[in-house]
Amino acid sequence: MISVEHLALSPPRAVEPAAGRARIRLEPEDFEVIEDIGFEAAGQGPHLLLRVRKRNANTRWVTHELARSAGVRDFDVGYAGLKDRCAVATQWFTVPARDRVGRTRLPADWVGVQGEGYEVIEAYVHNRKLSRGTLSGNTFKILLCDFDGDAAILQRRVNKLHGRASLIILVHSASGASCRTCSPARTADAK
C-alpha cells in the first residue's frame, strides 16, 4: 500500500517524465485567458453584449457588479463560462439594455465602466442573454518562470495539444535566458 506521504511528495502524473520545473502565476498577468464566443453581436435586440477584462476578480463577483451597474438582478446578467480568478481574463457578459424601471442604456454608456478588478472594454447591442456553455473556446497564455528542464519535451507536449486547445506558453529559463514562445506547431492542414 502506498503511503499518503509518498503520494504527497511524489504525486502520480498524467505524462511521464516531467518536462521540467517552473514557477507559475507569480502575478495575475502570468496566466491569461481570452474567451472566444464564436459569433458576432446581433446588432439589435433587448440585451447588450459586453466584453470585460478582469484581473484578480472572479466571474460571479463581476456578474454582481455588472448587475448593480445595470440596475437589474444578478440572474439577468449572462455569461458563457467561469474564468480563473488569479489571472487576467477577457470574457463576454450580457446585460438587459433596460433596467427594472425602464431606462435604456446604450453600448457607449458601458465602454469604460470599471470597478474593483474589472473594466468593460467593448459593448454591442445583442438579441439574447448569454447562457452557460455558449462559447467557442478559450485561449490560454501561460508564463513559466524560471523554467529548468527539457524545452524539447515541453514543445512536443504542447504540439500534442494542437487542435484541442489554444495555448501559448511563454518560457523564461532558470539560466536567465530571455523569454521564448512555446506554442503548438502549425501544420499545412491547420487553419
N, C-alpha and C. Protein backbone atom coordinates (compact mmCIF):
# COMPACT_ATOMS: atom_id res chain seq x y z
N MET A 1 0.84 -1.17 0.00
CA MET A 1 0.00 0.00 0.00
C MET A 1 0.89 1.25 0.00
N ILE A 2 0.50 2.25 -0.83
CA ILE A 2 1.27 3.49 -0.94
C ILE A 2 0.85 4.43 0.17
N SER A 3 1.84 5.01 0.83
CA SER A 3 1.53 5.91 1.93
C SER A 3 1.08 7.27 1.42
N VAL A 4 0.34 7.98 2.24
CA VAL A 4 -0.12 9.33 1.92
C VAL A 4 1.09 10.25 1.74
N GLU A 5 2.10 10.06 2.57
CA GLU A 5 3.31 10.88 2.46
C GLU A 5 3.97 10.68 1.11
N HIS A 6 4.05 9.43 0.64
CA HIS A 6 4.65 9.15 -0.67
C HIS A 6 3.85 9.84 -1.77
N LEU A 7 2.53 9.74 -1.73
CA LEU A 7 1.69 10.38 -2.74
C LEU A 7 1.83 11.90 -2.71
N ALA A 8 1.96 12.48 -1.52
CA ALA A 8 2.11 13.92 -1.41
C ALA A 8 3.44 14.40 -1.99
N LEU A 9 4.50 13.64 -1.78
CA LEU A 9 5.82 14.03 -2.24
C LEU A 9 6.12 13.61 -3.67
N SER A 10 5.44 12.58 -4.13
CA SER A 10 5.64 12.07 -5.50
C SER A 10 4.28 11.75 -6.11
N PRO A 11 3.49 12.78 -6.42
CA PRO A 11 2.14 12.52 -6.94
C PRO A 11 2.19 11.84 -8.31
N PRO A 12 1.17 11.06 -8.62
CA PRO A 12 1.12 10.43 -9.94
C PRO A 12 1.00 11.51 -11.02
N ARG A 13 1.52 11.24 -12.18
CA ARG A 13 1.49 12.20 -13.29
C ARG A 13 0.72 11.60 -14.46
N ALA A 14 0.07 12.48 -15.20
CA ALA A 14 -0.64 12.03 -16.40
C ALA A 14 0.35 11.74 -17.51
N VAL A 15 1.49 12.44 -17.49
CA VAL A 15 2.51 12.28 -18.51
C VAL A 15 3.85 12.12 -17.79
N GLU A 16 4.61 11.11 -18.17
CA GLU A 16 5.92 10.90 -17.56
C GLU A 16 7.00 11.06 -18.61
N PRO A 17 8.16 11.43 -18.30
CA PRO A 17 8.57 12.12 -17.09
C PRO A 17 8.21 13.60 -17.20
N ALA A 18 8.37 14.34 -16.13
CA ALA A 18 8.09 15.77 -16.16
C ALA A 18 9.07 16.46 -17.12
N ALA A 19 8.59 17.44 -17.87
CA ALA A 19 9.45 18.16 -18.81
C ALA A 19 10.42 19.07 -18.07
N GLY A 20 10.09 19.40 -16.84
CA GLY A 20 10.94 20.27 -16.06
C GLY A 20 10.16 20.89 -14.92
N ARG A 21 10.78 21.89 -14.32
CA ARG A 21 10.14 22.59 -13.20
C ARG A 21 10.07 24.07 -13.56
N ALA A 22 9.02 24.71 -13.04
CA ALA A 22 8.86 26.15 -13.26
C ALA A 22 7.93 26.70 -12.20
N ARG A 23 7.95 28.00 -12.07
CA ARG A 23 7.01 28.66 -11.18
C ARG A 23 5.96 29.33 -12.06
N ILE A 24 4.70 29.24 -11.66
CA ILE A 24 3.63 29.84 -12.44
C ILE A 24 2.77 30.73 -11.55
N ARG A 25 2.06 31.64 -12.19
CA ARG A 25 1.12 32.54 -11.52
C ARG A 25 1.75 33.36 -10.40
N LEU A 26 2.94 33.87 -10.66
CA LEU A 26 3.55 34.76 -9.67
C LEU A 26 2.80 36.10 -9.67
N GLU A 27 2.28 36.48 -10.81
CA GLU A 27 1.46 37.69 -10.99
C GLU A 27 0.24 37.28 -11.83
N PRO A 28 -0.88 37.99 -11.69
CA PRO A 28 -2.06 37.64 -12.50
C PRO A 28 -1.75 37.64 -14.01
N GLU A 29 -0.88 38.54 -14.45
CA GLU A 29 -0.54 38.63 -15.88
C GLU A 29 0.20 37.39 -16.39
N ASP A 30 0.68 36.56 -15.49
CA ASP A 30 1.38 35.34 -15.90
C ASP A 30 0.42 34.27 -16.41
N PHE A 31 -0.88 34.46 -16.18
CA PHE A 31 -1.89 33.49 -16.62
C PHE A 31 -3.03 34.28 -17.23
N GLU A 32 -3.16 34.21 -18.55
CA GLU A 32 -4.18 34.99 -19.24
C GLU A 32 -5.14 34.05 -19.95
N VAL A 33 -6.43 34.37 -19.85
CA VAL A 33 -7.48 33.60 -20.53
C VAL A 33 -8.27 34.56 -21.40
N ILE A 34 -8.43 34.22 -22.67
CA ILE A 34 -9.21 35.03 -23.59
C ILE A 34 -10.34 34.17 -24.13
N GLU A 35 -11.57 34.56 -23.82
CA GLU A 35 -12.75 33.79 -24.23
C GLU A 35 -13.14 34.14 -25.66
N ASP A 36 -13.49 33.11 -26.43
CA ASP A 36 -13.98 33.28 -27.80
C ASP A 36 -15.40 32.74 -27.84
N ILE A 37 -16.38 33.61 -28.05
CA ILE A 37 -17.77 33.15 -28.08
C ILE A 37 -18.14 32.61 -29.45
N GLY A 38 -17.34 32.89 -30.47
CA GLY A 38 -17.56 32.28 -31.78
C GLY A 38 -18.65 32.92 -32.62
N PHE A 39 -19.14 34.08 -32.24
CA PHE A 39 -20.14 34.77 -33.05
C PHE A 39 -20.02 36.27 -32.82
N GLU A 40 -20.61 37.03 -33.73
CA GLU A 40 -20.65 38.48 -33.62
C GLU A 40 -21.93 38.91 -32.94
N ALA A 41 -21.94 40.09 -32.37
CA ALA A 41 -23.15 40.64 -31.78
C ALA A 41 -24.21 40.80 -32.87
N ALA A 42 -25.47 40.61 -32.50
CA ALA A 42 -26.57 40.65 -33.46
C ALA A 42 -26.82 42.05 -34.01
N GLY A 43 -26.51 43.08 -33.24
CA GLY A 43 -26.74 44.44 -33.69
C GLY A 43 -28.13 44.97 -33.40
N GLN A 44 -28.98 44.12 -32.87
CA GLN A 44 -30.34 44.51 -32.47
C GLN A 44 -30.79 43.59 -31.37
N GLY A 45 -31.76 44.04 -30.58
CA GLY A 45 -32.30 43.19 -29.54
C GLY A 45 -32.31 43.87 -28.19
N PRO A 46 -32.83 43.16 -27.18
CA PRO A 46 -33.03 43.74 -25.85
C PRO A 46 -31.85 43.62 -24.89
N HIS A 47 -30.72 43.12 -25.37
CA HIS A 47 -29.56 42.92 -24.49
C HIS A 47 -28.36 43.68 -25.02
N LEU A 48 -27.37 43.83 -24.16
CA LEU A 48 -26.08 44.38 -24.54
C LEU A 48 -25.02 43.32 -24.28
N LEU A 49 -24.16 43.12 -25.25
CA LEU A 49 -23.07 42.15 -25.16
C LEU A 49 -21.82 42.94 -24.77
N LEU A 50 -21.28 42.62 -23.59
CA LEU A 50 -20.14 43.37 -23.04
C LEU A 50 -18.89 42.50 -23.01
N ARG A 51 -17.80 43.03 -23.53
CA ARG A 51 -16.51 42.35 -23.39
C ARG A 51 -15.80 42.99 -22.22
N VAL A 52 -15.44 42.16 -21.25
CA VAL A 52 -14.90 42.66 -19.98
C VAL A 52 -13.51 42.06 -19.74
N ARG A 53 -12.58 42.92 -19.36
CA ARG A 53 -11.26 42.44 -18.94
C ARG A 53 -11.24 42.51 -17.42
N LYS A 54 -10.88 41.39 -16.80
CA LYS A 54 -10.84 41.37 -15.34
C LYS A 54 -9.50 40.86 -14.86
N ARG A 55 -9.09 41.37 -13.72
CA ARG A 55 -7.80 41.00 -13.12
C ARG A 55 -8.04 40.71 -11.64
N ASN A 56 -7.70 39.51 -11.22
CA ASN A 56 -7.91 39.09 -9.82
C ASN A 56 -9.37 39.27 -9.40
N ALA A 57 -10.28 38.95 -10.29
CA ALA A 57 -11.71 39.05 -9.98
C ALA A 57 -12.40 37.82 -10.57
N ASN A 58 -13.27 37.19 -9.78
CA ASN A 58 -13.94 36.02 -10.32
C ASN A 58 -15.21 36.42 -11.07
N THR A 59 -15.70 35.52 -11.88
CA THR A 59 -16.83 35.79 -12.77
C THR A 59 -18.08 36.17 -11.99
N ARG A 60 -18.36 35.48 -10.90
CA ARG A 60 -19.58 35.79 -10.14
C ARG A 60 -19.53 37.18 -9.52
N TRP A 61 -18.36 37.60 -9.04
CA TRP A 61 -18.21 38.94 -8.49
C TRP A 61 -18.50 39.98 -9.57
N VAL A 62 -17.91 39.80 -10.76
CA VAL A 62 -18.12 40.74 -11.86
C VAL A 62 -19.59 40.73 -12.28
N THR A 63 -20.22 39.56 -12.31
CA THR A 63 -21.64 39.47 -12.62
C THR A 63 -22.46 40.34 -11.67
N HIS A 64 -22.17 40.23 -10.39
CA HIS A 64 -22.88 41.02 -9.38
C HIS A 64 -22.67 42.52 -9.61
N GLU A 65 -21.43 42.91 -9.88
CA GLU A 65 -21.12 44.32 -10.09
C GLU A 65 -21.78 44.86 -11.36
N LEU A 66 -21.80 44.07 -12.42
CA LEU A 66 -22.47 44.50 -13.66
C LEU A 66 -23.97 44.63 -13.44
N ALA A 67 -24.56 43.68 -12.69
CA ALA A 67 -25.99 43.75 -12.39
C ALA A 67 -26.31 45.02 -11.60
N ARG A 68 -25.48 45.33 -10.65
CA ARG A 68 -25.68 46.54 -9.85
C ARG A 68 -25.61 47.77 -10.73
N SER A 69 -24.61 47.82 -11.62
CA SER A 69 -24.46 48.96 -12.53
C SER A 69 -25.63 49.07 -13.50
N ALA A 70 -26.17 47.92 -13.91
CA ALA A 70 -27.27 47.91 -14.88
C ALA A 70 -28.63 48.13 -14.24
N GLY A 71 -28.69 48.03 -12.92
CA GLY A 71 -29.98 48.17 -12.23
C GLY A 71 -30.88 46.96 -12.43
N VAL A 72 -30.26 45.77 -12.50
CA VAL A 72 -31.00 44.53 -12.69
C VAL A 72 -30.55 43.50 -11.65
N ARG A 73 -31.19 42.34 -11.65
CA ARG A 73 -30.81 41.26 -10.74
C ARG A 73 -29.58 40.53 -11.29
N ASP A 74 -28.82 39.91 -10.41
CA ASP A 74 -27.66 39.11 -10.85
C ASP A 74 -28.08 38.08 -11.89
N PHE A 75 -29.25 37.48 -11.68
CA PHE A 75 -29.76 36.45 -12.59
C PHE A 75 -29.93 36.97 -14.02
N ASP A 76 -30.14 38.27 -14.19
CA ASP A 76 -30.37 38.85 -15.52
C ASP A 76 -29.09 39.00 -16.34
N VAL A 77 -27.94 38.89 -15.68
CA VAL A 77 -26.65 39.01 -16.37
C VAL A 77 -26.24 37.62 -16.87
N GLY A 78 -25.87 37.54 -18.12
CA GLY A 78 -25.46 36.26 -18.70
C GLY A 78 -23.96 36.20 -18.93
N TYR A 79 -23.43 35.00 -18.85
CA TYR A 79 -22.03 34.75 -19.18
C TYR A 79 -21.90 33.31 -19.65
N ALA A 80 -20.87 33.06 -20.46
CA ALA A 80 -20.71 31.74 -21.06
C ALA A 80 -19.99 30.75 -20.16
N GLY A 81 -19.05 31.24 -19.36
CA GLY A 81 -18.29 30.31 -18.53
C GLY A 81 -17.57 31.02 -17.41
N LEU A 82 -17.21 30.25 -16.40
CA LEU A 82 -16.45 30.78 -15.27
C LEU A 82 -14.98 30.85 -15.67
N LYS A 83 -14.31 31.91 -15.28
CA LYS A 83 -12.89 32.08 -15.58
C LYS A 83 -12.10 32.15 -14.28
N ASP A 84 -10.83 31.85 -14.38
CA ASP A 84 -9.93 31.86 -13.23
C ASP A 84 -9.89 33.23 -12.57
N ARG A 85 -9.86 33.24 -11.26
CA ARG A 85 -9.76 34.49 -10.51
C ARG A 85 -8.33 35.01 -10.54
N CYS A 86 -7.37 34.16 -10.28
CA CYS A 86 -5.96 34.58 -10.20
C CYS A 86 -5.38 34.62 -11.61
N ALA A 87 -5.87 35.56 -12.39
CA ALA A 87 -5.48 35.66 -13.79
C ALA A 87 -5.94 37.00 -14.33
N VAL A 88 -5.55 37.26 -15.57
CA VAL A 88 -6.15 38.33 -16.35
C VAL A 88 -7.03 37.60 -17.36
N ALA A 89 -8.32 37.83 -17.29
CA ALA A 89 -9.25 37.13 -18.16
C ALA A 89 -10.08 38.14 -18.93
N THR A 90 -10.28 37.86 -20.21
CA THR A 90 -11.16 38.67 -21.04
C THR A 90 -12.33 37.76 -21.40
N GLN A 91 -13.53 38.19 -21.00
CA GLN A 91 -14.70 37.36 -21.26
C GLN A 91 -15.90 38.22 -21.58
N TRP A 92 -16.95 37.57 -22.08
CA TRP A 92 -18.17 38.24 -22.52
C TRP A 92 -19.28 38.05 -21.50
N PHE A 93 -20.08 39.11 -21.35
CA PHE A 93 -21.27 39.10 -20.50
C PHE A 93 -22.41 39.74 -21.29
N THR A 94 -23.64 39.46 -20.91
CA THR A 94 -24.78 40.21 -21.43
C THR A 94 -25.53 40.81 -20.26
N VAL A 95 -26.08 42.00 -20.49
CA VAL A 95 -26.96 42.66 -19.54
C VAL A 95 -28.18 43.14 -20.31
N PRO A 96 -29.35 43.20 -19.67
CA PRO A 96 -30.50 43.79 -20.35
C PRO A 96 -30.22 45.25 -20.68
N ALA A 97 -30.68 45.69 -21.84
CA ALA A 97 -30.49 47.09 -22.23
C ALA A 97 -31.33 48.02 -21.35
N ARG A 98 -32.44 47.50 -20.81
CA ARG A 98 -33.31 48.29 -19.93
C ARG A 98 -33.19 47.81 -18.50
N ASP A 99 -33.16 48.77 -17.58
CA ASP A 99 -33.13 48.40 -16.16
C ASP A 99 -34.55 48.13 -15.68
N ARG A 100 -34.71 47.86 -14.40
CA ARG A 100 -36.02 47.48 -13.85
C ARG A 100 -37.05 48.60 -13.88
N VAL A 101 -36.60 49.84 -14.00
CA VAL A 101 -37.58 50.94 -14.07
C VAL A 101 -37.78 51.43 -15.50
N GLY A 102 -37.19 50.73 -16.48
CA GLY A 102 -37.43 51.04 -17.88
C GLY A 102 -36.44 51.97 -18.56
N ARG A 103 -35.39 52.38 -17.87
CA ARG A 103 -34.36 53.22 -18.51
C ARG A 103 -33.50 52.36 -19.42
N THR A 104 -33.20 52.88 -20.60
CA THR A 104 -32.38 52.16 -21.57
C THR A 104 -30.96 52.70 -21.57
N ARG A 105 -30.00 51.77 -21.61
CA ARG A 105 -28.59 52.15 -21.72
C ARG A 105 -28.07 51.67 -23.06
N LEU A 106 -27.24 52.48 -23.65
CA LEU A 106 -26.65 52.18 -24.96
C LEU A 106 -25.25 51.60 -24.78
N PRO A 107 -24.72 50.96 -25.82
CA PRO A 107 -23.36 50.42 -25.71
C PRO A 107 -22.33 51.47 -25.28
N ALA A 108 -22.45 52.68 -25.79
CA ALA A 108 -21.49 53.74 -25.44
C ALA A 108 -21.52 54.06 -23.94
N ASP A 109 -22.66 53.81 -23.28
CA ASP A 109 -22.76 54.05 -21.84
C ASP A 109 -21.92 53.05 -21.04
N TRP A 110 -21.60 51.92 -21.65
CA TRP A 110 -20.91 50.86 -20.92
C TRP A 110 -19.40 50.85 -21.12
N VAL A 111 -18.93 51.23 -22.31
CA VAL A 111 -17.48 51.18 -22.57
C VAL A 111 -16.77 52.09 -21.57
N GLY A 112 -15.81 51.52 -20.86
CA GLY A 112 -15.06 52.26 -19.85
C GLY A 112 -15.60 52.10 -18.44
N VAL A 113 -16.79 51.49 -18.30
CA VAL A 113 -17.31 51.23 -16.95
C VAL A 113 -16.32 50.29 -16.27
N GLN A 114 -15.96 50.63 -15.04
CA GLN A 114 -15.00 49.79 -14.33
C GLN A 114 -15.30 49.77 -12.85
N GLY A 115 -14.76 48.77 -12.22
CA GLY A 115 -14.90 48.61 -10.79
C GLY A 115 -13.70 47.84 -10.29
N GLU A 116 -13.79 47.39 -9.07
CA GLU A 116 -12.66 46.67 -8.47
C GLU A 116 -12.34 45.41 -9.27
N GLY A 117 -11.25 45.43 -10.01
CA GLY A 117 -10.79 44.26 -10.73
C GLY A 117 -11.39 44.04 -12.10
N TYR A 118 -12.17 44.97 -12.65
CA TYR A 118 -12.73 44.74 -13.98
C TYR A 118 -12.94 46.06 -14.73
N GLU A 119 -13.01 45.95 -16.07
CA GLU A 119 -13.33 47.09 -16.92
C GLU A 119 -14.04 46.58 -18.17
N VAL A 120 -15.11 47.28 -18.57
CA VAL A 120 -15.81 46.96 -19.82
C VAL A 120 -15.02 47.60 -20.96
N ILE A 121 -14.57 46.77 -21.91
CA ILE A 121 -13.72 47.29 -22.99
C ILE A 121 -14.44 47.36 -24.33
N GLU A 122 -15.56 46.65 -24.48
CA GLU A 122 -16.37 46.72 -25.69
C GLU A 122 -17.82 46.49 -25.31
N ALA A 123 -18.75 47.04 -26.08
CA ALA A 123 -20.18 46.82 -25.83
C ALA A 123 -20.94 46.91 -27.15
N TYR A 124 -21.91 46.00 -27.33
CA TYR A 124 -22.70 45.93 -28.56
C TYR A 124 -24.14 45.55 -28.22
N VAL A 125 -25.06 45.94 -29.10
CA VAL A 125 -26.46 45.52 -28.95
C VAL A 125 -26.55 44.07 -29.40
N HIS A 126 -27.34 43.30 -28.65
CA HIS A 126 -27.45 41.86 -28.93
C HIS A 126 -28.88 41.38 -28.71
N ASN A 127 -29.21 40.24 -29.30
CA ASN A 127 -30.59 39.75 -29.28
C ASN A 127 -30.93 38.77 -28.16
N ARG A 128 -29.95 38.30 -27.42
CA ARG A 128 -30.29 37.32 -26.37
C ARG A 128 -29.25 37.33 -25.25
N LYS A 129 -29.68 36.80 -24.14
CA LYS A 129 -28.80 36.64 -22.99
C LYS A 129 -27.84 35.49 -23.27
N LEU A 130 -26.57 35.67 -22.90
CA LEU A 130 -25.61 34.57 -22.99
C LEU A 130 -25.98 33.49 -21.99
N SER A 131 -25.87 32.25 -22.41
CA SER A 131 -26.10 31.15 -21.48
C SER A 131 -24.81 30.37 -21.30
N ARG A 132 -24.75 29.62 -20.22
CA ARG A 132 -23.55 28.83 -19.92
C ARG A 132 -23.22 27.90 -21.09
N GLY A 133 -21.97 27.82 -21.39
CA GLY A 133 -21.51 26.93 -22.46
C GLY A 133 -21.56 27.54 -23.84
N THR A 134 -22.08 28.77 -23.98
CA THR A 134 -22.18 29.42 -25.28
C THR A 134 -20.84 30.05 -25.62
N LEU A 135 -19.86 29.21 -25.90
CA LEU A 135 -18.57 29.74 -26.31
C LEU A 135 -17.89 28.76 -27.22
N SER A 136 -17.03 29.31 -28.04
CA SER A 136 -16.29 28.50 -28.99
C SER A 136 -15.06 27.88 -28.32
N GLY A 137 -14.49 28.62 -27.37
CA GLY A 137 -13.32 28.11 -26.67
C GLY A 137 -12.58 29.23 -25.95
N ASN A 138 -11.44 28.89 -25.41
CA ASN A 138 -10.60 29.84 -24.70
C ASN A 138 -9.18 29.72 -25.22
N THR A 139 -8.48 30.83 -25.21
CA THR A 139 -7.05 30.83 -25.48
C THR A 139 -6.35 31.10 -24.15
N PHE A 140 -5.35 30.32 -23.85
CA PHE A 140 -4.60 30.47 -22.61
C PHE A 140 -3.18 30.92 -22.94
N LYS A 141 -2.72 31.93 -22.23
CA LYS A 141 -1.32 32.36 -22.30
C LYS A 141 -0.74 32.16 -20.91
N ILE A 142 0.26 31.31 -20.82
CA ILE A 142 0.83 30.95 -19.52
C ILE A 142 2.33 31.24 -19.53
N LEU A 143 2.79 31.96 -18.51
CA LEU A 143 4.21 32.23 -18.37
C LEU A 143 4.80 31.23 -17.39
N LEU A 144 5.80 30.50 -17.83
CA LEU A 144 6.55 29.59 -16.95
C LEU A 144 7.81 30.33 -16.54
N CYS A 145 7.90 30.70 -15.27
CA CYS A 145 9.06 31.44 -14.77
C CYS A 145 10.12 30.48 -14.25
N ASP A 146 11.35 30.83 -14.49
CA ASP A 146 12.47 30.05 -14.00
C ASP A 146 12.39 28.59 -14.44
N PHE A 147 12.02 28.38 -15.70
CA PHE A 147 11.90 27.01 -16.23
C PHE A 147 13.25 26.34 -16.23
N ASP A 148 13.30 25.16 -15.66
CA ASP A 148 14.51 24.36 -15.62
C ASP A 148 14.11 22.97 -16.09
N GLY A 149 14.44 22.64 -17.33
CA GLY A 149 14.04 21.34 -17.84
C GLY A 149 14.37 21.21 -19.31
N ASP A 150 13.71 20.26 -19.92
CA ASP A 150 13.94 19.93 -21.32
C ASP A 150 12.91 20.65 -22.19
N ALA A 151 13.35 21.72 -22.87
CA ALA A 151 12.46 22.52 -23.70
C ALA A 151 11.89 21.72 -24.86
N ALA A 152 12.65 20.76 -25.38
CA ALA A 152 12.16 19.95 -26.50
C ALA A 152 10.97 19.08 -26.07
N ILE A 153 11.06 18.49 -24.88
CA ILE A 153 9.93 17.69 -24.37
C ILE A 153 8.71 18.59 -24.17
N LEU A 154 8.92 19.75 -23.60
CA LEU A 154 7.82 20.70 -23.40
C LEU A 154 7.18 21.05 -24.74
N GLN A 155 7.98 21.35 -25.75
CA GLN A 155 7.45 21.70 -27.07
C GLN A 155 6.66 20.54 -27.67
N ARG A 156 7.16 19.32 -27.55
CA ARG A 156 6.43 18.15 -28.08
C ARG A 156 5.07 18.00 -27.40
N ARG A 157 5.02 18.21 -26.10
CA ARG A 157 3.75 18.08 -25.37
C ARG A 157 2.76 19.17 -25.75
N VAL A 158 3.27 20.37 -25.93
CA VAL A 158 2.39 21.45 -26.38
C VAL A 158 1.87 21.15 -27.78
N ASN A 159 2.73 20.61 -28.65
CA ASN A 159 2.30 20.25 -30.00
C ASN A 159 1.18 19.21 -30.00
N LYS A 160 1.18 18.30 -29.03
CA LYS A 160 0.13 17.29 -28.94
C LYS A 160 -1.23 17.91 -28.66
N LEU A 161 -1.23 19.09 -28.07
CA LEU A 161 -2.49 19.77 -27.77
C LEU A 161 -3.07 20.49 -28.99
N HIS A 162 -2.29 20.62 -30.04
CA HIS A 162 -2.74 21.34 -31.23
C HIS A 162 -4.07 20.78 -31.73
N GLY A 163 -5.00 21.67 -31.94
CA GLY A 163 -6.33 21.26 -32.38
C GLY A 163 -7.29 20.99 -31.24
N ARG A 164 -6.78 20.77 -30.04
CA ARG A 164 -7.63 20.52 -28.88
C ARG A 164 -7.67 21.69 -27.92
N ALA A 165 -6.66 22.54 -27.99
CA ALA A 165 -6.60 23.70 -27.09
C ALA A 165 -5.82 24.81 -27.77
N SER A 166 -6.18 26.02 -27.46
CA SER A 166 -5.43 27.17 -27.94
C SER A 166 -4.55 27.60 -26.76
N LEU A 167 -3.27 27.38 -26.91
CA LEU A 167 -2.37 27.54 -25.78
C LEU A 167 -1.08 28.20 -26.24
N ILE A 168 -0.69 29.23 -25.53
CA ILE A 168 0.60 29.87 -25.77
C ILE A 168 1.35 29.84 -24.45
N ILE A 169 2.52 29.25 -24.47
CA ILE A 169 3.33 29.18 -23.25
C ILE A 169 4.58 30.02 -23.47
N LEU A 170 4.78 30.99 -22.61
CA LEU A 170 5.99 31.80 -22.64
C LEU A 170 6.94 31.22 -21.61
N VAL A 171 8.15 30.95 -22.03
CA VAL A 171 9.11 30.28 -21.16
C VAL A 171 10.26 31.21 -20.82
N HIS A 172 10.50 31.38 -19.53
CA HIS A 172 11.67 32.12 -19.05
C HIS A 172 12.53 31.11 -18.32
N SER A 173 13.72 30.87 -18.83
CA SER A 173 14.54 29.79 -18.27
C SER A 173 15.20 30.20 -16.96
N ALA A 174 15.51 29.22 -16.17
CA ALA A 174 16.18 29.43 -14.88
C ALA A 174 17.59 29.97 -15.08
N SER A 175 18.16 29.72 -16.26
CA SER A 175 19.53 30.18 -16.52
C SER A 175 19.58 31.67 -16.85
N GLY A 176 18.40 32.30 -16.91
CA GLY A 176 18.37 33.74 -17.17
C GLY A 176 18.22 34.08 -18.64
N ALA A 177 18.05 33.08 -19.50
CA ALA A 177 17.85 33.35 -20.92
C ALA A 177 16.53 34.09 -21.11
N SER A 178 16.42 34.81 -22.19
CA SER A 178 15.20 35.60 -22.42
C SER A 178 14.00 34.69 -22.69
N CYS A 179 12.84 35.29 -22.60
CA CYS A 179 11.60 34.54 -22.83
C CYS A 179 11.52 34.08 -24.28
N ARG A 180 10.90 32.95 -24.48
CA ARG A 180 10.60 32.48 -25.83
C ARG A 180 9.23 31.85 -25.79
N THR A 181 8.63 31.71 -26.94
CA THR A 181 7.28 31.18 -27.03
C THR A 181 7.32 29.70 -27.37
N CYS A 182 6.51 28.95 -26.69
CA CYS A 182 6.38 27.51 -26.93
C CYS A 182 4.89 27.31 -27.23
N SER A 183 4.54 27.24 -28.50
CA SER A 183 3.15 27.14 -28.92
C SER A 183 2.97 25.95 -29.83
N PRO A 184 1.71 25.50 -30.02
CA PRO A 184 1.50 24.37 -30.94
C PRO A 184 2.06 24.68 -32.31
N ALA A 185 2.75 23.70 -32.89
CA ALA A 185 3.33 23.87 -34.22
C ALA A 185 2.21 23.97 -35.26
N ARG A 186 2.40 24.81 -36.24
CA ARG A 186 1.43 24.96 -37.31
C ARG A 186 1.75 23.93 -38.38
N THR A 187 0.72 23.30 -38.92
CA THR A 187 0.92 22.35 -39.99
C THR A 187 0.16 22.85 -41.22
N ALA A 188 0.44 22.28 -42.37
CA ALA A 188 -0.18 22.73 -43.61
C ALA A 188 -1.70 22.61 -43.56
N ASP A 189 -2.22 21.59 -42.87
CA ASP A 189 -3.67 21.40 -42.82
C ASP A 189 -4.33 22.15 -41.68
N ALA A 190 -3.55 22.83 -40.84
CA ALA A 190 -4.12 23.59 -39.73
C ALA A 190 -4.63 24.92 -40.25
N LYS A 191 -5.79 25.28 -39.87
CA LYS A 191 -6.39 26.55 -40.31
C LYS A 191 -6.36 27.53 -39.18
